[in-house]
């Protein structure tokens, strides 16, 4: 158990419809063992807050919707847990407005009908999200999860076990100091990860969910090893920016080809402009629409959405 503090058990208000199947499936594919536990009905995780370790769980409520259980050291942290849980599951989104707008396009109408209320998962922690995005560059979701599990096993802080969670994602200080011993892959990517962690640790790079979008993007692009895909993906997840498109994303382009819209980066970016200001939700639909293909020896795997 965590150190005794305060607890919460509430139904989370949100607008219907909501694609809970998609949200839980996203979490199942990406959960880092020890930090997160995910099933088709439940998602739980531990996280580091001002007052110390905290924990929360989101489950499908028997009568529909979502229920939040949470534990934290202080009342202020408990409020923060609820905020982060809502952001992670994109619960302040107006699905009817977005679905209506996207369904106006002939190519997208079947996707909206099949998955009403699609959500764009947010981020429980901005710094963690940047590391996850950088680890996930140009590798599969499964490979990224394996790498993040090894990183957390080696450098994550152990905490008292709570319903399957027993550690915190590594601090930026720990990654900056010891990442060379754990991270694998191209040397340039390892250096970039360690450099970004060090900049977050010493404050020379700031990354919060209150940043201005263009400034955040520019700050990330100024870092060695961070390109447009990573900067835009982080902006989508950390800021909840509704109008992000990822024309270089292999999976997005595969989804575009599957529904019959331009799949080359320039052509896709031009076509996607018609869905502004909801291009992030277009992106979510295309991730889901992409056909599942086995990895082929000798081909670079698709960029993951970590």
C-alpha atoms as a PDB file:
ATOM      1  CA  UNK A   1       0.000   0.000   0.000  1.00  0.00           C
ATOM      2  CA  UNK A   2       1.040   3.599  -0.464  1.00  0.00           C
ATOM      3  CA  UNK A   3       1.763   5.750   2.550  1.00  0.00           C
ATOM      4  CA  UNK A   4      -1.629   6.536   4.136  1.00  0.00           C
ATOM      5  CA  UNK A   5      -3.102   9.700   2.693  1.00  0.00           C
ATOM      6  CA  UNK A   6      -6.382  10.519   0.992  1.00  0.00           C
ATOM      7  CA  UNK A   7      -8.550   8.459  -1.348  1.00  0.00           C
ATOM      8  CA  UNK A   8     -11.139   9.103  -4.014  1.00  0.00           C
ATOM      9  CA  UNK A   9     -13.794   6.924  -5.637  1.00  0.00           C
ATOM     10  CA  UNK A  10     -16.050   8.748  -8.120  1.00  0.00           C
ATOM     11  CA  UNK A  11     -17.779   8.479 -11.475  1.00  0.00           C
ATOM     12  CA  UNK A  12     -16.050  10.674 -14.045  1.00  0.00           C
ATOM     13  CA  UNK A  13     -18.368  12.953 -15.962  1.00  0.00           C
ATOM     14  CA  UNK A  14     -17.878  13.029 -19.723  1.00  0.00           C
ATOM     15  CA  UNK A  15     -19.820  13.532 -22.900  1.00  0.00           C
ATOM     16  CA  UNK A  16     -21.163  10.545 -24.807  1.00  0.00           C
ATOM     17  CA  UNK A  17     -20.417   8.756 -27.024  1.00  0.00           C
ATOM     18  CA  UNK A  18     -17.005   7.572 -25.896  1.00  0.00           C
ATOM     19  CA  UNK A  19     -14.876   4.900 -27.538  1.00  0.00           C
ATOM     20  CA  UNK A  20     -13.830   3.078 -24.380  1.00  0.00           C
ATOM     21  CA  UNK A  21     -12.838  -0.018 -26.339  1.00  0.00           C
ATOM     22  CA  UNK A  22     -10.263   2.040 -28.227  1.00  0.00           C
ATOM     23  CA  UNK A  23      -8.943   3.785 -25.132  1.00  0.00           C
ATOM     24  CA  UNK A  24      -8.436   0.603 -23.144  1.00  0.00           C
ATOM     25  CA  UNK A  25      -6.921  -1.185 -26.145  1.00  0.00           C
ATOM     26  CA  UNK A  26      -4.430   1.683 -26.549  1.00  0.00           C
ATOM     27  CA  UNK A  27      -3.400   1.346 -22.914  1.00  0.00           C
ATOM     28  CA  UNK A  28      -3.142  -2.456 -23.086  1.00  0.00           C
ATOM     29  CA  UNK A  29      -0.707  -2.244 -26.002  1.00  0.00           C
ATOM     30  CA  UNK A  30       1.536   0.320 -24.310  1.00  0.00           C
ATOM     31  CA  UNK A  31       1.409  -0.366 -20.551  1.00  0.00           C
ATOM     32  CA  UNK A  32       4.842  -0.419 -18.911  1.00  0.00           C
ATOM     33  CA  UNK A  33       4.987  -3.347 -16.451  1.00  0.00           C
ATOM     34  CA  UNK A  34       5.138  -2.218 -12.845  1.00  0.00           C
ATOM     35  CA  UNK A  35       4.160   1.373 -13.663  1.00  0.00           C
ATOM     36  CA  UNK A  36       0.907   0.552 -15.448  1.00  0.00           C
ATOM     37  CA  UNK A  37      -1.628  -2.269 -15.493  1.00  0.00           C
ATOM     38  CA  UNK A  38      -4.107  -2.431 -18.363  1.00  0.00           C
ATOM     39  CA  UNK A  39      -6.906  -4.765 -19.433  1.00  0.00           C
ATOM     40  CA  UNK A  40      -9.909  -4.237 -21.725  1.00  0.00           C
ATOM     41  CA  UNK A  41     -11.849  -3.127 -18.629  1.00  0.00           C
ATOM     42  CA  UNK A  42      -9.259  -1.407 -16.432  1.00  0.00           C
ATOM     43  CA  UNK A  43      -6.266   0.896 -16.514  1.00  0.00           C
ATOM     44  CA  UNK A  44      -4.191   1.722 -13.434  1.00  0.00           C
ATOM     45  CA  UNK A  45      -0.852   3.389 -12.852  1.00  0.00           C
ATOM     46  CA  UNK A  46       1.494   4.875 -10.291  1.00  0.00           C
ATOM     47  CA  UNK A  47       2.889   8.355 -10.742  1.00  0.00           C
ATOM     48  CA  UNK A  48       5.093  10.867  -8.989  1.00  0.00           C
ATOM     49  CA  UNK A  49       3.441  14.026  -7.639  1.00  0.00           C
ATOM     50  CA  UNK A  50       4.519  16.895  -5.383  1.00  0.00           C
ATOM     51  CA  UNK A  51       3.501  15.095  -2.204  1.00  0.00           C
ATOM     52  CA  UNK A  52       4.987  11.743  -3.200  1.00  0.00           C
ATOM     53  CA  UNK A  53       3.833   8.642  -5.076  1.00  0.00           C
ATOM     54  CA  UNK A  54       0.186   8.486  -6.093  1.00  0.00           C
ATOM     55  CA  UNK A  55      -1.981   5.880  -7.790  1.00  0.00           C
ATOM     56  CA  UNK A  56      -5.149   5.851  -9.817  1.00  0.00           C
ATOM     57  CA  UNK A  57      -7.399   3.388 -11.599  1.00  0.00           C
ATOM     58  CA  UNK A  58      -9.951   3.925 -14.361  1.00  0.00           C
ATOM     59  CA  UNK A  59     -12.540   1.188 -14.892  1.00  0.00           C
ATOM     60  CA  UNK A  60     -15.707   0.738 -16.876  1.00  0.00           C
ATOM     61  CA  UNK A  61     -18.641   1.441 -14.572  1.00  0.00           C
ATOM     62  CA  UNK A  62     -21.310  -1.304 -14.473  1.00  0.00           C
ATOM     63  CA  UNK A  63     -23.973   1.151 -15.672  1.00  0.00           C
ATOM     64  CA  UNK A  64     -21.696   2.595 -18.339  1.00  0.00           C
ATOM     65  CA  UNK A  65     -19.064   5.306 -18.308  1.00  0.00           C
ATOM     66  CA  UNK A  66     -15.919   5.459 -16.212  1.00  0.00           C
ATOM     67  CA  UNK A  67     -15.091   5.227 -12.547  1.00  0.00           C
ATOM     68  CA  UNK A  68     -11.973   6.692 -10.933  1.00  0.00           C
ATOM     69  CA  UNK A  69     -10.351   5.328  -7.815  1.00  0.00           C
ATOM     70  CA  UNK A  70      -7.280   7.181  -6.580  1.00  0.00           C
ATOM     71  CA  UNK A  71      -4.873   7.426  -3.663  1.00  0.00           C
ATOM     72  CA  UNK A  72      -2.445  10.253  -2.965  1.00  0.00           C
ATOM     73  CA  UNK A  73      -0.491  11.766  -0.116  1.00  0.00           C
ATOM     74  CA  UNK A  74      -2.384  15.072  -0.008  1.00  0.00           C
ATOM     75  CA  UNK A  75      -5.716  16.517  -1.071  1.00  0.00           C
ATOM     76  CA  UNK A  76      -3.934  18.746  -3.579  1.00  0.00           C
ATOM     77  CA  UNK A  77      -2.307  15.713  -5.165  1.00  0.00           C
ATOM     78  CA  UNK A  78      -5.659  13.952  -5.294  1.00  0.00           C
ATOM     79  CA  UNK A  79      -7.113  16.858  -7.274  1.00  0.00           C
ATOM     80  CA  UNK A  80      -4.121  16.637  -9.614  1.00  0.00           C
ATOM     81  CA  UNK A  81      -4.679  12.902 -10.089  1.00  0.00           C
ATOM     82  CA  UNK A  82      -8.230  13.531 -11.269  1.00  0.00           C
ATOM     83  CA  UNK A  83      -7.030  16.227 -13.673  1.00  0.00           C
ATOM     84  CA  UNK A  84      -4.406  13.910 -15.134  1.00  0.00           C
ATOM     85  CA  UNK A  85      -6.796  10.985 -15.435  1.00  0.00           C
ATOM     86  CA  UNK A  86      -9.268  13.159 -17.340  1.00  0.00           C
ATOM     87  CA  UNK A  87      -6.501  14.406 -19.617  1.00  0.00           C
ATOM     88  CA  UNK A  88      -5.183  10.898 -20.253  1.00  0.00           C
ATOM     89  CA  UNK A  89      -8.600   9.653 -21.424  1.00  0.00           C
ATOM     90  CA  UNK A  90      -9.510  12.918 -23.212  1.00  0.00           C
ATOM     91  CA  UNK A  91     -12.689  13.264 -21.179  1.00  0.00           C
ATOM     92  CA  UNK A  92     -13.257  16.983 -21.760  1.00  0.00           C
ATOM     93  CA  UNK A  93     -13.622  16.456 -25.505  1.00  0.00           C
ATOM     94  CA  UNK A  94     -16.951  17.190 -27.248  1.00  0.00           C
ATOM     95  CA  UNK A  95     -17.436  14.066 -29.384  1.00  0.00           C
ATOM     96  CA  UNK A  96     -20.623  15.177 -31.088  1.00  0.00           C
ATOM     97  CA  UNK A  97     -19.012  18.304 -32.514  1.00  0.00           C
ATOM     98  CA  UNK A  98     -15.974  16.419 -33.789  1.00  0.00           C
ATOM     99  CA  UNK A  99     -17.905  13.430 -35.138  1.00  0.00           C
ATOM    100  CA  UNK A 100     -20.313  15.707 -36.988  1.00  0.00           C
ATOM    101  CA  UNK A 101     -17.456  17.657 -38.560  1.00  0.00           C
ATOM    102  CA  UNK A 102     -15.464  14.611 -39.656  1.00  0.00           C
ATOM    103  CA  UNK A 103     -18.520  12.736 -40.935  1.00  0.00           C
ATOM    104  CA  UNK A 104     -19.099  15.517 -43.486  1.00  0.00           C
ATOM    105  CA  UNK A 105     -16.251  13.994 -45.510  1.00  0.00           C
ATOM    106  CA  UNK A 106     -17.361  10.998 -47.546  1.00  0.00           C
ATOM    107  CA  UNK A 107     -14.135   9.077 -46.892  1.00  0.00           C
ATOM    108  CA  UNK A 108     -14.379   9.524 -43.120  1.00  0.00           C
ATOM    109  CA  UNK A 109     -18.088   8.929 -42.577  1.00  0.00           C
ATOM    110  CA  UNK A 110     -17.729   5.119 -42.289  1.00  0.00           C
ATOM    111  CA  UNK A 111     -14.933   5.518 -39.717  1.00  0.00           C
ATOM    112  CA  UNK A 112     -17.012   7.861 -37.579  1.00  0.00           C
ATOM    113  CA  UNK A 113     -20.020   5.542 -37.813  1.00  0.00           C
ATOM    114  CA  UNK A 114     -17.906   2.567 -36.761  1.00  0.00           C
ATOM    115  CA  UNK A 115     -16.126   4.367 -33.906  1.00  0.00           C
ATOM    116  CA  UNK A 116     -18.249   7.235 -32.585  1.00  0.00           C
ATOM    117  CA  UNK A 117     -16.681   9.259 -29.809  1.00  0.00           C
ATOM    118  CA  UNK A 118     -13.089   8.383 -30.666  1.00  0.00           C
ATOM    119  CA  UNK A 119     -10.589   9.928 -28.253  1.00  0.00           C
ATOM    120  CA  UNK A 120      -6.956  11.028 -28.547  1.00  0.00           C
ATOM    121  CA  UNK A 121      -5.127   9.700 -25.459  1.00  0.00           C
ATOM    122  CA  UNK A 122      -3.309  12.388 -23.505  1.00  0.00           C
ATOM    123  CA  UNK A 123      -0.316  12.159 -21.181  1.00  0.00           C
ATOM    124  CA  UNK A 124      -0.179  11.521 -17.442  1.00  0.00           C
ATOM    125  CA  UNK A 125       3.255  13.171 -17.242  1.00  0.00           C
ATOM    126  CA  UNK A 126       4.766  15.492 -19.905  1.00  0.00           C
ATOM    127  CA  UNK A 127       8.409  14.543 -19.265  1.00  0.00           C
ATOM    128  CA  UNK A 128       7.600  10.841 -19.370  1.00  0.00           C
ATOM    129  CA  UNK A 129       5.662  11.403 -22.596  1.00  0.00           C
ATOM    130  CA  UNK A 130       8.679  12.925 -24.328  1.00  0.00           C
ATOM    131  CA  UNK A 131      10.867   9.967 -23.354  1.00  0.00           C
ATOM    132  CA  UNK A 132       8.203   7.524 -24.515  1.00  0.00           C
ATOM    133  CA  UNK A 133       7.871   9.344 -27.830  1.00  0.00           C
ATOM    134  CA  UNK A 134      11.624   9.423 -28.405  1.00  0.00           C
ATOM    135  CA  UNK A 135      12.010   5.743 -27.556  1.00  0.00           C
ATOM    136  CA  UNK A 136       9.156   4.971 -29.942  1.00  0.00           C
ATOM    137  CA  UNK A 137      10.633   6.722 -32.965  1.00  0.00           C
ATOM    138  CA  UNK A 138      10.815   4.363 -35.963  1.00  0.00           C
ATOM    139  CA  UNK A 139      10.092   1.173 -34.023  1.00  0.00           C
ATOM    140  CA  UNK A 140       6.954  -0.821 -33.354  1.00  0.00           C
ATOM    141  CA  UNK A 141       4.691  -0.321 -30.362  1.00  0.00           C
ATOM    142  CA  UNK A 142       5.781  -3.703 -28.974  1.00  0.00           C
ATOM    143  CA  UNK A 143       9.474  -2.886 -29.354  1.00  0.00           C
ATOM    144  CA  UNK A 144       9.006   0.484 -27.679  1.00  0.00           C
ATOM    145  CA  UNK A 145       7.190  -1.152 -24.777  1.00  0.00           C
ATOM    146  CA  UNK A 146      10.036  -3.639 -24.339  1.00  0.00           C
ATOM    147  CA  UNK A 147      12.629  -0.842 -24.301  1.00  0.00           C
ATOM    148  CA  UNK A 148      10.627   1.258 -21.852  1.00  0.00           C
ATOM    149  CA  UNK A 149      10.098  -1.755 -19.589  1.00  0.00           C
ATOM    150  CA  UNK A 150      13.860  -2.353 -19.460  1.00  0.00           C
ATOM    151  CA  UNK A 151      14.503   1.336 -18.759  1.00  0.00           C
ATOM    152  CA  UNK A 152      11.970   1.365 -15.935  1.00  0.00           C
ATOM    153  CA  UNK A 153      13.149  -1.922 -14.477  1.00  0.00           C
ATOM    154  CA  UNK A 154      16.685  -0.566 -14.258  1.00  0.00           C
ATOM    155  CA  UNK A 155      16.087   3.046 -13.246  1.00  0.00           C
ATOM    156  CA  UNK A 156      12.537   3.347 -11.919  1.00  0.00           C
ATOM    157  CA  UNK A 157      11.987   3.978  -8.215  1.00  0.00           C
ATOM    158  CA  UNK A 158      10.425   1.017  -6.392  1.00  0.00           C
ATOM    159  CA  UNK A 159       7.370   1.826  -4.291  1.00  0.00           C
ATOM    160  CA  UNK A 160       5.024  -0.274  -2.135  1.00  0.00           C
ATOM    161  CA  UNK A 161       2.855  -2.422  -4.395  1.00  0.00           C
ATOM    162  CA  UNK A 162      -0.699  -1.281  -5.136  1.00  0.00           C
ATOM    163  CA  UNK A 163      -2.843  -3.667  -7.169  1.00  0.00           C
ATOM    164  CA  UNK A 164      -0.159  -4.567  -9.668  1.00  0.00           C
ATOM    165  CA  UNK A 165       1.879  -1.348  -9.712  1.00  0.00           C
ATOM    166  CA  UNK A 166       5.152  -1.215  -7.777  1.00  0.00           C
ATOM    167  CA  UNK A 167       7.394   1.381  -9.384  1.00  0.00           C
ATOM    168  CA  UNK A 168       7.545   4.878 -10.819  1.00  0.00           C
ATOM    169  CA  UNK A 169       8.751   5.845 -14.261  1.00  0.00           C
ATOM    170  CA  UNK A 170      12.410   6.929 -14.019  1.00  0.00           C
ATOM    171  CA  UNK A 171      13.188  10.536 -13.213  1.00  0.00           C
ATOM    172  CA  UNK A 172      14.866  12.644 -15.854  1.00  0.00           C
ATOM    173  CA  UNK A 173      17.865  12.892 -13.524  1.00  0.00           C
ATOM    174  CA  UNK A 174      18.186   9.101 -13.432  1.00  0.00           C
ATOM    175  CA  UNK A 175      17.939   8.791 -17.214  1.00  0.00           C
ATOM    176  CA  UNK A 176      20.484  11.556 -17.741  1.00  0.00           C
ATOM    177  CA  UNK A 177      22.927   9.980 -15.291  1.00  0.00           C
ATOM    178  CA  UNK A 178      22.504   6.286 -16.092  1.00  0.00           C
ATOM    179  CA  UNK A 179      20.745   6.033 -19.445  1.00  0.00           C
ATOM    180  CA  UNK A 180      23.970   5.060 -21.207  1.00  0.00           C
ATOM    181  CA  UNK A 181      23.980   1.833 -19.174  1.00  0.00           C
ATOM    182  CA  UNK A 182      20.433   0.859 -20.115  1.00  0.00           C
ATOM    183  CA  UNK A 183      19.307   2.379 -23.401  1.00  0.00           C
ATOM    184  CA  UNK A 184      19.937   0.415 -26.572  1.00  0.00           C
ATOM    185  CA  UNK A 185      19.820   1.382 -30.213  1.00  0.00           C
ATOM    186  CA  UNK A 186      21.629   3.842 -32.486  1.00  0.00           C
ATOM    187  CA  UNK A 187      24.192   5.904 -30.594  1.00  0.00           C
ATOM    188  CA  UNK A 188      22.736   9.171 -31.878  1.00  0.00           C
ATOM    189  CA  UNK A 189      19.302   8.281 -30.541  1.00  0.00           C
ATOM    190  CA  UNK A 190      20.694   7.317 -27.139  1.00  0.00           C
ATOM    191  CA  UNK A 191      22.596  10.603 -26.961  1.00  0.00           C
ATOM    192  CA  UNK A 192      19.437  12.492 -27.915  1.00  0.00           C
ATOM    193  CA  UNK A 193      17.400  10.780 -25.213  1.00  0.00           C
ATOM    194  CA  UNK A 194      19.989  11.401 -22.551  1.00  0.00           C
ATOM    195  CA  UNK A 195      20.404  14.989 -23.705  1.00  0.00           C
ATOM    196  CA  UNK A 196      16.676  15.658 -23.572  1.00  0.00           C
ATOM    197  CA  UNK A 197      16.397  14.085 -20.115  1.00  0.00           C
ATOM    198  CA  UNK A 198      19.319  16.180 -18.897  1.00  0.00           C
ATOM    199  CA  UNK A 199      17.767  19.367 -20.263  1.00  0.00           C
ATOM    200  CA  UNK A 200      14.461  18.596 -18.575  1.00  0.00           C
ATOM    201  CA  UNK A 201      16.284  17.787 -15.334  1.00  0.00           C
ATOM    202  CA  UNK A 202      18.273  21.023 -15.232  1.00  0.00           C
ATOM    203  CA  UNK A 203      15.420  23.200 -16.462  1.00  0.00           C
ATOM    204  CA  UNK A 204      17.016  24.335 -19.705  1.00  0.00           C
ATOM    205  CA  UNK A 205      14.100  22.633 -21.485  1.00  0.00           C
ATOM    206  CA  UNK A 206      10.614  23.085 -20.084  1.00  0.00           C
ATOM    207  CA  UNK A 207       7.708  20.889 -21.063  1.00  0.00           C
ATOM    208  CA  UNK A 208       4.296  21.280 -19.458  1.00  0.00           C
ATOM    209  CA  UNK A 209       0.666  20.884 -20.437  1.00  0.00           C
ATOM    210  CA  UNK A 210       0.275  24.681 -20.179  1.00  0.00           C
ATOM    211  CA  UNK A 211       2.853  25.519 -22.859  1.00  0.00           C
ATOM    212  CA  UNK A 212       1.978  27.568 -25.925  1.00  0.00           C
ATOM    213  CA  UNK A 213       1.915  25.121 -28.815  1.00  0.00           C
ATOM    214  CA  UNK A 214       4.220  26.872 -31.279  1.00  0.00           C
ATOM    215  CA  UNK A 215       6.768  27.679 -28.594  1.00  0.00           C
ATOM    216  CA  UNK A 216       6.768  24.116 -27.291  1.00  0.00           C
ATOM    217  CA  UNK A 217       7.256  22.762 -30.796  1.00  0.00           C
ATOM    218  CA  UNK A 218      10.130  25.150 -31.495  1.00  0.00           C
ATOM    219  CA  UNK A 219      11.844  24.287 -28.202  1.00  0.00           C
ATOM    220  CA  UNK A 220      11.627  20.570 -28.944  1.00  0.00           C
ATOM    221  CA  UNK A 221      12.837  20.934 -32.527  1.00  0.00           C
ATOM    222  CA  UNK A 222      15.879  22.821 -31.230  1.00  0.00           C
ATOM    223  CA  UNK A 223      16.950  19.704 -29.323  1.00  0.00           C
ATOM    224  CA  UNK A 224      19.321  17.291 -31.086  1.00  0.00           C
ATOM    225  CA  UNK A 225      17.522  14.171 -32.276  1.00  0.00           C
ATOM    226  CA  UNK A 226      13.975  15.550 -32.021  1.00  0.00           C
ATOM    227  CA  UNK A 227      12.255  15.956 -35.361  1.00  0.00           C
ATOM    228  CA  UNK A 228       8.798  17.080 -36.497  1.00  0.00           C
ATOM    229  CA  UNK A 229       7.077  13.738 -35.815  1.00  0.00           C
ATOM    230  CA  UNK A 230       8.192  13.691 -32.169  1.00  0.00           C
ATOM    231  CA  UNK A 231       7.507  17.391 -31.556  1.00  0.00           C
ATOM    232  CA  UNK A 232       4.031  17.188 -33.071  1.00  0.00           C
ATOM    233  CA  UNK A 233       3.179  13.891 -31.410  1.00  0.00           C
ATOM    234  CA  UNK A 234       4.154  15.333 -28.026  1.00  0.00           C
ATOM    235  CA  UNK A 235       2.095  18.449 -28.731  1.00  0.00           C
ATOM    236  CA  UNK A 236      -0.912  16.264 -29.497  1.00  0.00           C
ATOM    237  CA  UNK A 237      -0.537  14.145 -26.358  1.00  0.00           C
ATOM    238  CA  UNK A 238       0.764  16.681 -23.819  1.00  0.00           C
ATOM    239  CA  UNK A 239      -1.202  19.787 -24.815  1.00  0.00           C
ATOM    240  CA  UNK A 240      -4.296  18.023 -26.078  1.00  0.00           C
ATOM    241  CA  UNK A 241      -3.947  20.030 -29.287  1.00  0.00           C
ATOM    242  CA  UNK A 242      -6.940  19.032 -31.428  1.00  0.00           C
ATOM    243  CA  UNK A 243      -5.389  20.045 -34.761  1.00  0.00           C
ATOM    244  CA  UNK A 244      -2.198  18.015 -35.167  1.00  0.00           C
ATOM    245  CA  UNK A 245      -1.476  15.915 -38.211  1.00  0.00           C
ATOM    246  CA  UNK A 246       1.485  13.617 -38.734  1.00  0.00           C
ATOM    247  CA  UNK A 247       2.129  13.361 -42.485  1.00  0.00           C
ATOM    248  CA  UNK A 248       5.389  11.485 -41.938  1.00  0.00           C
ATOM    249  CA  UNK A 249       3.814   8.800 -39.752  1.00  0.00           C
ATOM    250  CA  UNK A 250       3.909   5.450 -41.552  1.00  0.00           C
ATOM    251  CA  UNK A 251       0.784   4.159 -39.813  1.00  0.00           C
ATOM    252  CA  UNK A 252      -1.189   7.332 -40.548  1.00  0.00           C
ATOM    253  CA  UNK A 253      -0.247   7.035 -44.205  1.00  0.00           C
ATOM    254  CA  UNK A 254      -1.255   3.372 -44.253  1.00  0.00           C
ATOM    255  CA  UNK A 255      -4.621   4.334 -42.795  1.00  0.00           C
ATOM    256  CA  UNK A 256      -4.998   7.083 -45.386  1.00  0.00           C
ATOM    257  CA  UNK A 257      -4.307   4.647 -48.209  1.00  0.00           C
ATOM    258  CA  UNK A 258      -6.792   2.159 -46.750  1.00  0.00           C
ATOM    259  CA  UNK A 259      -9.666   4.669 -46.921  1.00  0.00           C
ATOM    260  CA  UNK A 260      -8.717   6.111 -50.285  1.00  0.00           C
ATOM    261  CA  UNK A 261      -7.259   9.510 -49.483  1.00  0.00           C
ATOM    262  CA  UNK A 262      -3.774  10.709 -50.507  1.00  0.00           C
ATOM    263  CA  UNK A 263      -1.089   8.781 -48.648  1.00  0.00           C
ATOM    264  CA  UNK A 264       2.056  10.629 -49.713  1.00  0.00           C
ATOM    265  CA  UNK A 265       3.166  13.153 -47.061  1.00  0.00           C
ATOM    266  CA  UNK A 266       2.498  16.293 -49.108  1.00  0.00           C
ATOM    267  CA  UNK A 267      -0.776  15.065 -50.569  1.00  0.00           C
ATOM    268  CA  UNK A 268      -2.015  13.834 -47.202  1.00  0.00           C
ATOM    269  CA  UNK A 269      -1.110  17.089 -45.431  1.00  0.00           C
ATOM    270  CA  UNK A 270      -3.009  19.058 -48.066  1.00  0.00           C
ATOM    271  CA  UNK A 271      -6.070  16.794 -47.874  1.00  0.00           C
ATOM    272  CA  UNK A 272      -6.070  16.836 -44.066  1.00  0.00           C
ATOM    273  CA  UNK A 273      -6.389  20.632 -43.992  1.00  0.00           C
ATOM    274  CA  UNK A 274     -10.085  20.253 -44.777  1.00  0.00           C
ATOM    275  CA  UNK A 275     -10.609  18.579 -41.387  1.00  0.00           C
ATOM    276  CA  UNK A 276      -9.064  21.425 -39.366  1.00  0.00           C
ATOM    277  CA  UNK A 277      -9.410  22.136 -36.433  1.00  0.00           C
ATOM    278  CA  UNK A 278      -9.910  18.420 -35.736  1.00  0.00           C
ATOM    279  CA  UNK A 279      -6.884  16.884 -37.424  1.00  0.00           C
ATOM    280  CA  UNK A 280      -5.778  15.101 -34.250  1.00  0.00           C
ATOM    281  CA  UNK A 281      -9.027  13.104 -34.341  1.00  0.00           C
ATOM    282  CA  UNK A 282      -8.482  12.410 -38.033  1.00  0.00           C
ATOM    283  CA  UNK A 283      -5.078  11.051 -37.014  1.00  0.00           C
ATOM    284  CA  UNK A 284      -6.672   8.823 -34.376  1.00  0.00           C
ATOM    285  CA  UNK A 285      -9.123   7.423 -36.919  1.00  0.00           C
ATOM    286  CA  UNK A 286      -6.343   6.711 -39.426  1.00  0.00           C
ATOM    287  CA  UNK A 287      -4.258   4.885 -36.800  1.00  0.00           C
ATOM    288  CA  UNK A 288      -7.267   2.638 -36.271  1.00  0.00           C
ATOM    289  CA  UNK A 289      -7.966   2.270 -39.998  1.00  0.00           C
ATOM    290  CA  UNK A 290      -4.442   1.131 -40.885  1.00  0.00           C
ATOM    291  CA  UNK A 291      -4.352  -2.540 -41.875  1.00  0.00           C
ATOM    292  CA  UNK A 292      -2.429  -4.812 -39.538  1.00  0.00           C
ATOM    293  CA  UNK A 293       0.571  -6.216 -41.368  1.00  0.00           C
ATOM    294  CA  UNK A 294       3.286  -8.589 -40.111  1.00  0.00           C
ATOM    295  CA  UNK A 295       6.807  -7.226 -39.913  1.00  0.00           C
ATOM    296  CA  UNK A 296       8.876  -8.090 -42.957  1.00  0.00           C
ATOM    297  CA  UNK A 297      12.559  -8.826 -42.619  1.00  0.00           C
ATOM    298  CA  UNK A 298      14.657  -6.015 -44.027  1.00  0.00           C
ATOM    299  CA  UNK A 299      11.942  -3.360 -43.866  1.00  0.00           C
ATOM    300  CA  UNK A 300      11.943  -0.549 -41.336  1.00  0.00           C
ATOM    301  CA  UNK A 301       9.016  -1.047 -38.931  1.00  0.00           C
ATOM    302  CA  UNK A 302       6.349   1.581 -38.710  1.00  0.00           C
ATOM    303  CA  UNK A 303       6.690   4.515 -36.352  1.00  0.00           C
ATOM    304  CA  UNK A 304       4.989   3.617 -33.098  1.00  0.00           C
ATOM    305  CA  UNK A 305       2.417   5.725 -31.291  1.00  0.00           C
ATOM    306  CA  UNK A 306       3.970   5.168 -27.872  1.00  0.00           C
END
